[in-house]
Amino acid sequence: MHSSEEVDAYLPAAAVVELIRPRSKEYREYRSTHPIPPSFSILDHILIGASSIDKLLLAMASHLSRLNGREAFVELDFLAEVYQLAKPKTIDNNKSKPVQRDDILRAICVSESLWTNLFILLRRAAKNEALDGRGGKNGDVVFMPIVGVSANVIHDCQFDAPDEREALVALWLRAGLFDALDDAMSQMADNPGMPSMYSVYLYLGQVDPHTSWV
């Protein structure tokens, strides 16, 4: 089986996101009394379904190349959840920590196809001409998810893998970050989430300007 329509791309992502972080009242109530066992790894099961993290990221990049508006927002939400699952966070009242999945974090950082399509989507959203699946023009809904995942990635790279920061910035430059920001910044300026974008600029500014990014 494989997806052939846009709905096949974002509906599975929406379902997985609901499993990871329930939005609906009914499912939140169910999970409050039926929590997912700590031994059950949603992330591992996602990767089993995708075959590998690289194939998952290629699929996301492909989806983002053609989704717009609210459908693209769902795919970005899925990406953000996968990234968060791969990061360490304390559980069980600070008694234990899951293992950080460096392989997944690094795969996201170095996926040129993913970042290229993220920044192309940002430029597409800034023009706000493409219609989403419901026939609406909702380009602005993807601004903050793209900014959010970018800010999280470069923040974590700065503190967890500073030696790889310049390579990440070099990749972003090749992927069209600044062209995307040139197109989108005026529409994004009044968004309450803009402090995240300023943090991206802050970390970009800490990269050695004499480093070759070619």
N, C-alpha and C. Protein backbone atom coordinates (compact mmCIF):
# COMPACT_ATOMS: atom_id res chain seq x y z
N MET A 1 0.83 -1.19 0.00
CA MET A 1 0.00 0.00 0.00
C MET A 1 0.87 1.25 0.00
N HIS A 2 0.41 2.30 -0.64
CA HIS A 2 1.12 3.56 -0.63
C HIS A 2 0.12 4.69 -0.82
N SER A 3 0.53 5.90 -0.39
CA SER A 3 -0.37 7.04 -0.52
C SER A 3 -0.34 7.57 -1.95
N SER A 4 -1.49 7.94 -2.45
CA SER A 4 -1.56 8.47 -3.81
C SER A 4 -2.26 9.81 -3.86
N GLU A 5 -2.97 10.17 -2.81
CA GLU A 5 -3.67 11.45 -2.74
C GLU A 5 -3.16 12.24 -1.54
N GLU A 6 -3.39 13.57 -1.57
CA GLU A 6 -2.92 14.40 -0.47
C GLU A 6 -3.51 13.97 0.87
N VAL A 7 -4.78 13.55 0.85
CA VAL A 7 -5.42 13.12 2.09
C VAL A 7 -4.71 11.91 2.68
N ASP A 8 -4.10 11.07 1.82
CA ASP A 8 -3.37 9.90 2.31
C ASP A 8 -2.08 10.31 3.01
N ALA A 9 -1.61 11.53 2.74
CA ALA A 9 -0.38 11.99 3.36
C ALA A 9 -0.61 12.54 4.75
N TYR A 10 -1.63 13.37 4.92
CA TYR A 10 -1.75 14.07 6.19
C TYR A 10 -2.68 13.41 7.20
N LEU A 11 -3.64 12.60 6.76
CA LEU A 11 -4.53 11.96 7.74
C LEU A 11 -3.80 10.95 8.62
N PRO A 12 -2.93 10.10 8.07
CA PRO A 12 -2.16 9.22 8.96
C PRO A 12 -1.31 10.00 9.95
N ALA A 13 -0.72 11.13 9.48
CA ALA A 13 0.08 11.96 10.38
C ALA A 13 -0.79 12.52 11.51
N ALA A 14 -2.00 12.96 11.16
CA ALA A 14 -2.92 13.49 12.17
C ALA A 14 -3.27 12.42 13.20
N ALA A 15 -3.48 11.19 12.74
CA ALA A 15 -3.84 10.10 13.65
C ALA A 15 -2.69 9.78 14.60
N VAL A 16 -1.46 9.77 14.09
CA VAL A 16 -0.31 9.47 14.94
C VAL A 16 -0.09 10.58 15.96
N VAL A 17 -0.23 11.83 15.52
CA VAL A 17 -0.09 12.96 16.45
C VAL A 17 -1.11 12.86 17.58
N GLU A 18 -2.32 12.44 17.25
CA GLU A 18 -3.35 12.30 18.28
C GLU A 18 -2.97 11.21 19.28
N LEU A 19 -2.31 10.16 18.81
CA LEU A 19 -1.85 9.12 19.72
C LEU A 19 -0.72 9.63 20.62
N ILE A 20 0.16 10.45 20.06
CA ILE A 20 1.30 10.94 20.83
C ILE A 20 0.87 11.98 21.86
N ARG A 21 0.11 12.96 21.39
CA ARG A 21 -0.31 14.07 22.26
C ARG A 21 -1.77 14.37 21.98
N PRO A 22 -2.67 13.71 22.68
CA PRO A 22 -4.10 13.82 22.37
C PRO A 22 -4.63 15.25 22.43
N ARG A 23 -5.38 15.63 21.39
CA ARG A 23 -6.04 16.93 21.35
C ARG A 23 -7.51 16.83 21.72
N SER A 24 -8.14 15.75 21.31
CA SER A 24 -9.57 15.62 21.54
C SER A 24 -9.86 15.35 23.01
N LYS A 25 -10.96 15.92 23.49
CA LYS A 25 -11.34 15.77 24.90
C LYS A 25 -11.56 14.30 25.24
N GLU A 26 -12.22 13.56 24.36
CA GLU A 26 -12.54 12.16 24.63
C GLU A 26 -11.27 11.32 24.78
N TYR A 27 -10.31 11.54 23.90
CA TYR A 27 -9.10 10.73 23.97
C TYR A 27 -8.23 11.14 25.16
N ARG A 28 -8.22 12.43 25.50
CA ARG A 28 -7.48 12.86 26.70
C ARG A 28 -8.07 12.21 27.94
N GLU A 29 -9.39 12.16 28.01
CA GLU A 29 -10.03 11.52 29.16
C GLU A 29 -9.71 10.03 29.20
N TYR A 30 -9.69 9.38 28.04
CA TYR A 30 -9.37 7.96 28.00
C TYR A 30 -7.93 7.72 28.46
N ARG A 31 -7.01 8.54 27.96
CA ARG A 31 -5.60 8.37 28.32
C ARG A 31 -5.35 8.67 29.80
N SER A 32 -6.17 9.50 30.43
CA SER A 32 -5.98 9.80 31.84
C SER A 32 -6.19 8.58 32.72
N THR A 33 -6.97 7.63 32.24
CA THR A 33 -7.21 6.40 33.00
C THR A 33 -6.57 5.17 32.34
N HIS A 34 -6.13 5.33 31.10
CA HIS A 34 -5.47 4.23 30.39
C HIS A 34 -4.17 4.74 29.77
N PRO A 35 -3.18 5.07 30.59
CA PRO A 35 -1.93 5.62 30.04
C PRO A 35 -1.18 4.59 29.21
N ILE A 36 -0.41 5.10 28.27
CA ILE A 36 0.44 4.23 27.48
C ILE A 36 1.55 3.68 28.37
N PRO A 37 1.79 2.38 28.38
CA PRO A 37 2.83 1.80 29.25
C PRO A 37 4.20 2.41 28.94
N PRO A 38 5.00 2.69 29.96
CA PRO A 38 6.32 3.29 29.73
C PRO A 38 7.21 2.46 28.81
N SER A 39 6.99 1.15 28.80
CA SER A 39 7.82 0.28 27.97
C SER A 39 7.45 0.34 26.49
N PHE A 40 6.30 0.95 26.18
CA PHE A 40 5.84 1.03 24.79
C PHE A 40 6.42 2.27 24.14
N SER A 41 7.18 2.09 23.08
CA SER A 41 7.81 3.21 22.39
C SER A 41 7.03 3.55 21.12
N ILE A 42 6.31 4.66 21.17
CA ILE A 42 5.61 5.12 19.96
C ILE A 42 6.60 5.39 18.85
N LEU A 43 7.74 5.98 19.21
CA LEU A 43 8.74 6.32 18.20
C LEU A 43 9.25 5.08 17.47
N ASP A 44 9.55 4.03 18.22
CA ASP A 44 10.02 2.80 17.58
C ASP A 44 8.97 2.24 16.63
N HIS A 45 7.71 2.32 17.01
CA HIS A 45 6.66 1.80 16.14
C HIS A 45 6.48 2.67 14.90
N ILE A 46 6.68 3.98 15.03
CA ILE A 46 6.64 4.85 13.85
C ILE A 46 7.74 4.44 12.88
N LEU A 47 8.93 4.17 13.41
CA LEU A 47 10.06 3.82 12.56
C LEU A 47 9.89 2.44 11.94
N ILE A 48 9.24 1.54 12.65
CA ILE A 48 8.95 0.22 12.06
C ILE A 48 8.04 0.40 10.85
N GLY A 49 7.03 1.24 11.00
CA GLY A 49 6.12 1.49 9.89
C GLY A 49 6.79 2.17 8.71
N ALA A 50 7.76 3.04 9.00
CA ALA A 50 8.43 3.79 7.93
C ALA A 50 9.65 3.05 7.38
N SER A 51 10.09 2.00 8.04
CA SER A 51 11.29 1.20 7.71
C SER A 51 12.56 1.82 8.28
N SER A 52 12.68 3.16 8.26
CA SER A 52 13.87 3.82 8.82
C SER A 52 13.57 5.30 8.98
N ILE A 53 14.39 5.97 9.78
CA ILE A 53 14.21 7.41 9.96
C ILE A 53 14.46 8.14 8.65
N ASP A 54 15.42 7.68 7.85
CA ASP A 54 15.71 8.36 6.58
C ASP A 54 14.52 8.28 5.64
N LYS A 55 13.87 7.12 5.58
CA LYS A 55 12.70 6.98 4.72
C LYS A 55 11.53 7.81 5.24
N LEU A 56 11.41 7.90 6.56
CA LEU A 56 10.35 8.73 7.14
C LEU A 56 10.56 10.19 6.76
N LEU A 57 11.79 10.68 6.86
CA LEU A 57 12.07 12.08 6.55
C LEU A 57 11.91 12.36 5.07
N LEU A 58 12.28 11.40 4.22
CA LEU A 58 12.05 11.57 2.78
C LEU A 58 10.56 11.66 2.47
N ALA A 59 9.76 10.84 3.16
CA ALA A 59 8.32 10.90 2.96
C ALA A 59 7.75 12.24 3.43
N MET A 60 8.23 12.72 4.58
CA MET A 60 7.78 14.03 5.06
C MET A 60 8.14 15.12 4.06
N ALA A 61 9.37 15.07 3.56
CA ALA A 61 9.79 16.09 2.58
C ALA A 61 8.91 16.05 1.35
N SER A 62 8.59 14.86 0.88
CA SER A 62 7.71 14.72 -0.28
C SER A 62 6.33 15.29 0.01
N HIS A 63 5.80 14.99 1.18
CA HIS A 63 4.48 15.51 1.54
C HIS A 63 4.48 17.03 1.62
N LEU A 64 5.52 17.58 2.24
CA LEU A 64 5.59 19.03 2.41
C LEU A 64 5.78 19.75 1.08
N SER A 65 6.27 19.04 0.08
CA SER A 65 6.46 19.67 -1.23
C SER A 65 5.14 19.95 -1.93
N ARG A 66 4.06 19.29 -1.46
CA ARG A 66 2.79 19.48 -2.16
C ARG A 66 1.62 19.86 -1.25
N LEU A 67 1.81 19.76 0.08
CA LEU A 67 0.74 20.15 0.98
C LEU A 67 0.81 21.64 1.28
N ASN A 68 -0.36 22.22 1.58
CA ASN A 68 -0.44 23.64 1.91
C ASN A 68 -1.38 23.84 3.08
N GLY A 69 -1.31 25.02 3.69
CA GLY A 69 -2.26 25.41 4.71
C GLY A 69 -2.38 24.41 5.83
N ARG A 70 -3.62 24.05 6.14
CA ARG A 70 -3.88 23.21 7.31
C ARG A 70 -3.32 21.80 7.14
N GLU A 71 -3.30 21.28 5.91
CA GLU A 71 -2.73 19.95 5.71
C GLU A 71 -1.23 19.96 5.97
N ALA A 72 -0.54 21.02 5.53
CA ALA A 72 0.89 21.14 5.80
C ALA A 72 1.14 21.31 7.30
N PHE A 73 0.25 22.02 7.96
CA PHE A 73 0.36 22.21 9.42
C PHE A 73 0.36 20.86 10.13
N VAL A 74 -0.51 19.94 9.71
CA VAL A 74 -0.57 18.62 10.33
C VAL A 74 0.75 17.88 10.16
N GLU A 75 1.33 17.94 8.96
CA GLU A 75 2.60 17.26 8.71
C GLU A 75 3.72 17.87 9.55
N LEU A 76 3.71 19.19 9.69
CA LEU A 76 4.70 19.86 10.52
C LEU A 76 4.53 19.50 11.99
N ASP A 77 3.29 19.34 12.41
CA ASP A 77 3.00 18.92 13.78
C ASP A 77 3.58 17.52 14.03
N PHE A 78 3.44 16.65 13.04
CA PHE A 78 3.99 15.30 13.14
C PHE A 78 5.51 15.35 13.25
N LEU A 79 6.16 16.17 12.42
CA LEU A 79 7.62 16.32 12.49
C LEU A 79 8.05 16.80 13.87
N ALA A 80 7.34 17.79 14.40
CA ALA A 80 7.69 18.32 15.72
C ALA A 80 7.55 17.26 16.80
N GLU A 81 6.53 16.43 16.69
CA GLU A 81 6.33 15.38 17.70
C GLU A 81 7.42 14.31 17.60
N VAL A 82 7.81 13.94 16.39
CA VAL A 82 8.89 12.97 16.22
C VAL A 82 10.18 13.53 16.84
N TYR A 83 10.43 14.81 16.59
CA TYR A 83 11.63 15.43 17.16
C TYR A 83 11.58 15.41 18.68
N GLN A 84 10.44 15.75 19.25
CA GLN A 84 10.31 15.77 20.70
C GLN A 84 10.44 14.38 21.30
N LEU A 85 9.93 13.37 20.61
CA LEU A 85 10.06 12.00 21.11
C LEU A 85 11.52 11.56 21.15
N ALA A 86 12.33 12.11 20.25
CA ALA A 86 13.73 11.72 20.19
C ALA A 86 14.59 12.44 21.22
N LYS A 87 14.04 13.49 21.83
CA LYS A 87 14.79 14.26 22.82
C LYS A 87 14.59 13.67 24.21
N PRO A 88 15.60 13.76 25.07
CA PRO A 88 15.44 13.24 26.43
C PRO A 88 14.56 14.16 27.26
N LYS A 89 13.70 13.58 28.05
CA LYS A 89 12.91 14.35 28.99
C LYS A 89 12.63 13.47 30.20
N THR A 90 12.60 14.08 31.34
CA THR A 90 12.42 13.34 32.58
C THR A 90 10.99 12.84 32.70
N ILE A 91 10.83 11.61 33.14
CA ILE A 91 9.51 11.02 33.33
C ILE A 91 9.44 10.40 34.72
N ASP A 92 8.25 9.93 35.09
CA ASP A 92 8.07 9.23 36.37
C ASP A 92 8.57 10.05 37.56
N ASN A 93 8.13 11.33 37.60
CA ASN A 93 8.49 12.19 38.73
C ASN A 93 10.00 12.31 38.91
N ASN A 94 10.68 12.52 37.79
CA ASN A 94 12.12 12.74 37.79
C ASN A 94 12.93 11.50 38.19
N LYS A 95 12.33 10.32 38.13
CA LYS A 95 13.04 9.11 38.54
C LYS A 95 13.85 8.50 37.40
N SER A 96 13.46 8.76 36.17
CA SER A 96 14.17 8.13 35.07
C SER A 96 14.13 9.00 33.83
N LYS A 97 15.05 8.73 32.95
CA LYS A 97 15.11 9.45 31.68
C LYS A 97 15.16 8.45 30.54
N PRO A 98 14.36 8.66 29.52
CA PRO A 98 14.50 7.81 28.34
C PRO A 98 15.80 8.15 27.62
N VAL A 99 16.28 7.23 26.83
CA VAL A 99 17.53 7.44 26.12
C VAL A 99 17.31 8.42 24.97
N GLN A 100 18.20 9.39 24.86
CA GLN A 100 18.11 10.32 23.72
C GLN A 100 18.45 9.58 22.44
N ARG A 101 17.64 9.79 21.42
CA ARG A 101 17.85 9.13 20.14
C ARG A 101 18.68 10.03 19.24
N ASP A 102 19.99 9.98 19.44
CA ASP A 102 20.89 10.83 18.67
C ASP A 102 20.81 10.53 17.18
N ASP A 103 20.55 9.27 16.83
CA ASP A 103 20.47 8.92 15.42
C ASP A 103 19.32 9.66 14.73
N ILE A 104 18.22 9.81 15.43
CA ILE A 104 17.06 10.49 14.85
C ILE A 104 17.28 12.00 14.83
N LEU A 105 17.80 12.54 15.91
CA LEU A 105 18.07 13.98 15.95
C LEU A 105 19.05 14.37 14.86
N ARG A 106 20.09 13.57 14.68
CA ARG A 106 21.07 13.90 13.65
C ARG A 106 20.47 13.75 12.26
N ALA A 107 19.66 12.73 12.06
CA ALA A 107 19.04 12.53 10.74
C ALA A 107 18.18 13.73 10.36
N ILE A 108 17.45 14.27 11.34
CA ILE A 108 16.63 15.46 11.07
C ILE A 108 17.53 16.65 10.74
N CYS A 109 18.61 16.80 11.49
CA CYS A 109 19.51 17.94 11.27
C CYS A 109 20.15 17.91 9.88
N VAL A 110 20.48 16.74 9.38
CA VAL A 110 21.25 16.66 8.13
C VAL A 110 20.39 16.35 6.92
N SER A 111 19.08 16.30 7.07
CA SER A 111 18.21 15.98 5.94
C SER A 111 18.00 17.20 5.06
N GLU A 112 18.80 17.30 4.01
CA GLU A 112 18.71 18.47 3.13
C GLU A 112 17.37 18.53 2.41
N SER A 113 16.83 17.38 2.03
CA SER A 113 15.53 17.38 1.34
C SER A 113 14.43 17.89 2.26
N LEU A 114 14.50 17.53 3.55
CA LEU A 114 13.49 18.00 4.50
C LEU A 114 13.56 19.52 4.65
N TRP A 115 14.76 20.05 4.93
CA TRP A 115 14.89 21.49 5.16
C TRP A 115 14.59 22.27 3.88
N THR A 116 14.99 21.76 2.75
CA THR A 116 14.70 22.46 1.50
C THR A 116 13.21 22.61 1.30
N ASN A 117 12.47 21.53 1.54
CA ASN A 117 11.02 21.60 1.35
C ASN A 117 10.32 22.40 2.45
N LEU A 118 10.90 22.42 3.65
CA LEU A 118 10.37 23.28 4.71
C LEU A 118 10.46 24.75 4.30
N PHE A 119 11.62 25.14 3.77
CA PHE A 119 11.81 26.54 3.43
C PHE A 119 11.06 26.91 2.15
N ILE A 120 10.92 25.97 1.24
CA ILE A 120 10.07 26.22 0.06
C ILE A 120 8.63 26.41 0.49
N LEU A 121 8.17 25.59 1.44
CA LEU A 121 6.82 25.74 1.97
C LEU A 121 6.65 27.11 2.61
N LEU A 122 7.66 27.57 3.32
CA LEU A 122 7.58 28.89 3.95
C LEU A 122 7.42 29.99 2.90
N ARG A 123 8.16 29.88 1.80
CA ARG A 123 8.02 30.86 0.72
C ARG A 123 6.65 30.76 0.08
N ARG A 124 6.18 29.53 -0.11
CA ARG A 124 4.85 29.33 -0.70
C ARG A 124 3.77 29.91 0.20
N ALA A 125 3.94 29.71 1.50
CA ALA A 125 2.96 30.23 2.45
C ALA A 125 2.95 31.75 2.47
N ALA A 126 4.12 32.35 2.29
CA ALA A 126 4.19 33.81 2.30
C ALA A 126 3.40 34.41 1.14
N LYS A 127 3.41 33.74 0.01
CA LYS A 127 2.63 34.22 -1.14
C LYS A 127 1.14 33.96 -0.94
N ASN A 128 0.85 32.91 -0.16
CA ASN A 128 -0.54 32.56 0.19
C ASN A 128 -1.44 32.46 -1.03
N GLU A 129 -0.92 31.81 -2.06
CA GLU A 129 -1.72 31.63 -3.29
C GLU A 129 -2.22 30.20 -3.43
N ALA A 130 -1.49 29.24 -2.84
CA ALA A 130 -1.86 27.84 -2.98
C ALA A 130 -3.05 27.51 -2.09
N LEU A 131 -3.96 26.69 -2.60
CA LEU A 131 -5.13 26.28 -1.85
C LEU A 131 -4.85 25.00 -1.08
N ASP A 132 -5.41 24.90 0.12
CA ASP A 132 -5.30 23.64 0.84
C ASP A 132 -6.42 22.71 0.40
N GLY A 133 -6.53 21.56 1.05
CA GLY A 133 -7.49 20.56 0.61
C GLY A 133 -8.94 20.99 0.70
N ARG A 134 -9.21 22.01 1.51
CA ARG A 134 -10.58 22.50 1.65
C ARG A 134 -10.86 23.71 0.78
N GLY A 135 -9.88 24.04 -0.07
CA GLY A 135 -10.08 25.17 -0.96
C GLY A 135 -9.79 26.51 -0.33
N GLY A 136 -9.14 26.51 0.84
CA GLY A 136 -8.84 27.76 1.52
C GLY A 136 -7.40 28.17 1.37
N LYS A 137 -7.16 29.46 1.56
CA LYS A 137 -5.81 29.98 1.57
C LYS A 137 -5.43 30.25 3.02
N ASN A 138 -4.63 29.34 3.58
CA ASN A 138 -4.29 29.41 5.00
C ASN A 138 -2.78 29.31 5.20
N GLY A 139 -2.05 29.99 4.33
CA GLY A 139 -0.60 29.89 4.39
C GLY A 139 -0.01 30.28 5.72
N ASP A 140 -0.64 31.24 6.41
CA ASP A 140 -0.05 31.74 7.64
C ASP A 140 0.00 30.71 8.76
N VAL A 141 -0.78 29.64 8.66
CA VAL A 141 -0.80 28.67 9.76
C VAL A 141 0.49 27.86 9.83
N VAL A 142 1.31 27.89 8.79
CA VAL A 142 2.55 27.10 8.82
C VAL A 142 3.74 27.91 9.29
N PHE A 143 3.59 29.23 9.44
CA PHE A 143 4.73 30.05 9.82
C PHE A 143 5.36 29.58 11.13
N MET A 144 4.56 29.54 12.18
CA MET A 144 5.12 29.24 13.49
C MET A 144 5.58 27.79 13.64
N PRO A 145 4.89 26.80 13.05
CA PRO A 145 5.46 25.44 13.13
C PRO A 145 6.84 25.33 12.50
N ILE A 146 7.06 26.01 11.37
CA ILE A 146 8.37 25.97 10.73
C ILE A 146 9.40 26.69 11.60
N VAL A 147 9.03 27.86 12.09
CA VAL A 147 9.93 28.61 12.97
C VAL A 147 10.22 27.81 14.23
N GLY A 148 9.19 27.18 14.79
CA GLY A 148 9.36 26.44 16.02
C GLY A 148 10.34 25.29 15.90
N VAL A 149 10.18 24.48 14.86
CA VAL A 149 11.08 23.34 14.71
C VAL A 149 12.49 23.81 14.38
N SER A 150 12.61 24.89 13.61
CA SER A 150 13.94 25.43 13.30
C SER A 150 14.63 25.93 14.56
N ALA A 151 13.88 26.66 15.38
CA ALA A 151 14.44 27.20 16.62
C ALA A 151 14.86 26.08 17.57
N ASN A 152 14.03 25.05 17.68
CA ASN A 152 14.37 23.93 18.57
C ASN A 152 15.62 23.21 18.10
N VAL A 153 15.71 22.99 16.79
CA VAL A 153 16.85 22.25 16.25
C VAL A 153 18.14 23.01 16.46
N ILE A 154 18.16 24.30 16.13
CA ILE A 154 19.43 25.03 16.25
C ILE A 154 19.77 25.30 17.71
N HIS A 155 18.76 25.46 18.56
CA HIS A 155 19.00 25.60 20.00
C HIS A 155 19.67 24.35 20.56
N ASP A 156 19.11 23.18 20.23
CA ASP A 156 19.66 21.93 20.75
C ASP A 156 21.03 21.65 20.16
N CYS A 157 21.22 22.02 18.90
CA CYS A 157 22.54 21.85 18.27
C CYS A 157 23.57 22.72 19.00
N GLN A 158 23.18 23.94 19.34
CA GLN A 158 24.07 24.85 20.03
C GLN A 158 24.56 24.28 21.36
N PHE A 159 23.66 23.66 22.11
CA PHE A 159 23.99 23.21 23.45
C PHE A 159 24.43 21.74 23.51
N ASP A 160 23.92 20.91 22.61
CA ASP A 160 24.22 19.48 22.67
C ASP A 160 25.30 19.05 21.69
N ALA A 161 25.42 19.76 20.58
CA ALA A 161 26.41 19.37 19.56
C ALA A 161 26.96 20.63 18.89
N PRO A 162 27.62 21.51 19.66
CA PRO A 162 28.08 22.79 19.10
C PRO A 162 29.03 22.65 17.93
N ASP A 163 29.76 21.54 17.86
CA ASP A 163 30.70 21.35 16.76
C ASP A 163 29.97 21.14 15.42
N GLU A 164 28.68 20.81 15.50
CA GLU A 164 27.92 20.56 14.27
C GLU A 164 27.06 21.75 13.87
N ARG A 165 27.12 22.82 14.65
CA ARG A 165 26.25 23.98 14.39
C ARG A 165 26.54 24.61 13.03
N GLU A 166 27.83 24.76 12.71
CA GLU A 166 28.17 25.43 11.46
C GLU A 166 27.73 24.60 10.26
N ALA A 167 27.83 23.28 10.37
CA ALA A 167 27.36 22.42 9.28
C ALA A 167 25.85 22.55 9.10
N LEU A 168 25.12 22.68 10.23
CA LEU A 168 23.67 22.86 10.15
C LEU A 168 23.33 24.17 9.46
N VAL A 169 24.00 25.23 9.84
CA VAL A 169 23.73 26.53 9.22
C VAL A 169 24.09 26.50 7.73
N ALA A 170 25.19 25.84 7.40
CA ALA A 170 25.57 25.72 6.00
C ALA A 170 24.48 25.00 5.20
N LEU A 171 23.94 23.95 5.79
CA LEU A 171 22.86 23.22 5.13
C LEU A 171 21.64 24.12 4.95
N TRP A 172 21.29 24.89 5.98
CA TRP A 172 20.14 25.79 5.89
C TRP A 172 20.34 26.84 4.80
N LEU A 173 21.56 27.32 4.66
CA LEU A 173 21.82 28.29 3.60
C LEU A 173 21.61 27.67 2.23
N ARG A 174 22.11 26.45 2.05
CA ARG A 174 21.90 25.76 0.78
C ARG A 174 20.43 25.49 0.54
N ALA A 175 19.70 25.23 1.62
CA ALA A 175 18.29 24.88 1.50
C ALA A 175 17.39 26.10 1.28
N GLY A 176 17.96 27.32 1.36
CA GLY A 176 17.18 28.51 1.04
C GLY A 176 16.55 29.23 2.21
N LEU A 177 17.16 29.13 3.41
CA LEU A 177 16.59 29.76 4.59
C LEU A 177 16.38 31.26 4.40
N PHE A 178 17.43 31.98 3.98
CA PHE A 178 17.31 33.43 3.93
C PHE A 178 16.36 33.90 2.84
N ASP A 179 16.31 33.19 1.73
CA ASP A 179 15.33 33.53 0.71
C ASP A 179 13.91 33.38 1.25
N ALA A 180 13.71 32.32 2.03
CA ALA A 180 12.38 32.09 2.62
C ALA A 180 12.04 33.19 3.62
N LEU A 181 13.02 33.57 4.43
CA LEU A 181 12.76 34.63 5.42
C LEU A 181 12.50 35.97 4.74
N ASP A 182 13.21 36.24 3.65
CA ASP A 182 12.97 37.49 2.91
C ASP A 182 11.52 37.56 2.46
N ASP A 183 10.98 36.43 2.01
CA ASP A 183 9.60 36.41 1.52
C ASP A 183 8.58 36.47 2.65
N ALA A 184 8.91 35.84 3.77
CA ALA A 184 7.89 35.63 4.81
C ALA A 184 7.95 36.60 5.98
N MET A 185 9.08 37.28 6.18
CA MET A 185 9.27 38.03 7.41
C MET A 185 8.22 39.11 7.61
N SER A 186 7.83 39.81 6.56
CA SER A 186 6.86 40.90 6.75
C SER A 186 5.52 40.37 7.24
N GLN A 187 5.11 39.18 6.75
CA GLN A 187 3.84 38.60 7.21
C GLN A 187 3.97 38.02 8.61
N MET A 188 5.18 37.61 8.98
CA MET A 188 5.39 36.97 10.26
C MET A 188 5.63 37.97 11.39
N ALA A 189 5.91 39.22 11.05
CA ALA A 189 6.41 40.18 12.03
C ALA A 189 5.49 40.36 13.23
N ASP A 190 4.18 40.34 13.01
CA ASP A 190 3.24 40.59 14.10
C ASP A 190 2.78 39.33 14.80
N ASN A 191 3.34 38.18 14.42
CA ASN A 191 2.92 36.93 15.03
C ASN A 191 3.48 36.80 16.43
N PRO A 192 2.68 36.38 17.41
CA PRO A 192 3.17 36.27 18.79
C PRO A 192 4.30 35.27 18.96
N GLY A 193 4.50 34.39 17.98
CA GLY A 193 5.57 33.41 18.09
C GLY A 193 6.91 33.89 17.56
N MET A 194 6.99 35.16 17.16
CA MET A 194 8.22 35.65 16.56
C MET A 194 9.46 35.59 17.45
N PRO A 195 9.36 35.64 18.79
CA PRO A 195 10.58 35.47 19.59
C PRO A 195 11.36 34.21 19.24
N SER A 196 10.68 33.16 18.81
CA SER A 196 11.38 31.95 18.38
C SER A 196 12.23 32.22 17.15
N MET A 197 11.71 33.06 16.24
CA MET A 197 12.47 33.39 15.05
C MET A 197 13.68 34.23 15.40
N TYR A 198 13.53 35.13 16.36
CA TYR A 198 14.67 35.93 16.78
C TYR A 198 15.75 35.06 17.41
N SER A 199 15.35 33.98 18.08
CA SER A 199 16.34 33.08 18.65
C SER A 199 17.13 32.38 17.55
N VAL A 200 16.47 32.09 16.42
CA VAL A 200 17.18 31.50 15.28
C VAL A 200 18.25 32.47 14.80
N TYR A 201 17.89 33.74 14.65
CA TYR A 201 18.86 34.75 14.24
C TYR A 201 20.01 34.86 15.24
N LEU A 202 19.68 34.75 16.54
CA LEU A 202 20.71 34.84 17.57
C LEU A 202 21.74 33.74 17.39
N TYR A 203 21.27 32.51 17.18
CA TYR A 203 22.20 31.40 17.03
C TYR A 203 22.95 31.46 15.71
N LEU A 204 22.28 31.96 14.67
CA LEU A 204 22.98 32.14 13.40
C LEU A 204 24.11 33.15 13.56
N GLY A 205 23.86 34.17 14.37
CA GLY A 205 24.86 35.21 14.57
C GLY A 205 26.06 34.74 15.34
N GLN A 206 25.98 33.59 16.01
CA GLN A 206 27.10 33.08 16.78
C GLN A 206 28.03 32.19 15.96
N VAL A 207 27.64 31.94 14.71
CA VAL A 207 28.48 31.12 13.85
C VAL A 207 29.67 31.95 13.36
N ASP A 208 30.82 31.35 13.33
CA ASP A 208 32.03 32.04 12.87
C ASP A 208 31.84 32.56 11.45
N PRO A 209 31.87 33.88 11.22
CA PRO A 209 31.64 34.41 9.89
C PRO A 209 32.74 34.06 8.90
N HIS A 210 33.89 33.60 9.41
CA HIS A 210 34.99 33.26 8.52
C HIS A 210 34.94 31.79 8.07
N THR A 211 33.98 31.06 8.60
CA THR A 211 33.87 29.66 8.21
C THR A 211 33.34 29.53 6.80
N SER A 212 33.91 28.67 6.01
CA SER A 212 33.43 28.45 4.65
C SER A 212 32.19 27.57 4.70
N TRP A 213 31.11 28.01 4.05
CA TRP A 213 29.86 27.25 4.03
C TRP A 213 29.60 26.66 2.65
N VAL A 214 30.60 26.61 1.84
CA VAL A 214 30.40 26.07 0.48
C VAL A 214 30.50 24.56 0.53
